[in-house]
Amino acid sequence: MRKYSVFFIAFCLTLAACKQSEGTVKEQDSSDFVAITDVVPDVILEIRYYGTYNFVGTRIDGYLAPTALLTRQAADSLKAVSDDVISLGYRLKIYDAYRPQCAVDHFVRWAADVADTTMRRYFYPDVDKSRLFELDYIMAKSGHTRGSTVDLTLFDMTTEKEVDMGGTFDWFGTESHPDYRGITDVQFANRMILRDAMLRHGFKPLDSEWWHFTLKDEPYPDTYFTFPVE
């Protein structure tokens, strides 16, 4: 198993270095991107990769400001989601949106350093770090880098707290699967409120992360951007 994990590490590092291997990298061209708050002023931002409370434990490369960017098309669709959930008494809270390729490369380097487990107890206590590549928790390409993927949750305007989703953002485990039923009925229903609103307005879910959604008709399905978040 140890040799197998080392193979995966070497393979993924090679992919990260060869950015042209999948899709097209469009360096530094942010002309079709907008700040989410310019389109959806009601959102709350908690950009985890700008700070240190994330699975790496440090600010991630490429995050130069605590802001969130998306393609104009994705931001417009998110505005419709926001209007929808506001009518139900919620606001959207954003953890991450556009992610530059250098940030993904940072994740790959971190995952290859199996000795660095600083944040394990908070994000992956039940997973051996040497298996993160094998289990697809860390990959050399991310849909976030195409600019139309967002990680988010709901914020209850009455309680002024995040809605209880029965799990936390970036938790590596089956508990993060949207259809996981080892949580309460209320927690599962909360996940479905977010999921249904996102699906109604043109986003598609990921089967391993309840917080992760991508615009179905994303404008750059084969382009991976590199400009920083600022």
Foldseek 3Di string as FASTA:
>chain_A
DLVVLLVLLVVQLVCLVCVPPFFAEDEPDCPQKDFLCVLAVQEAEDACLCQQPDQLRGRFPQAPDRTAMAGPVLSNLVNQLQVVVVVVQKGKYFHYAADALSRLSRVSVSLSPQVPRPCCVPAPVPDRSSCCSVVVLRGSDDPSQLGFKTFIFIAGNVVRGTQQQQDDPRHPDQSQFLPDDPGDPRNNVRLVSSQVSSVVRAWDADRRHSRMIGRPPRPRPRYGYHHGND
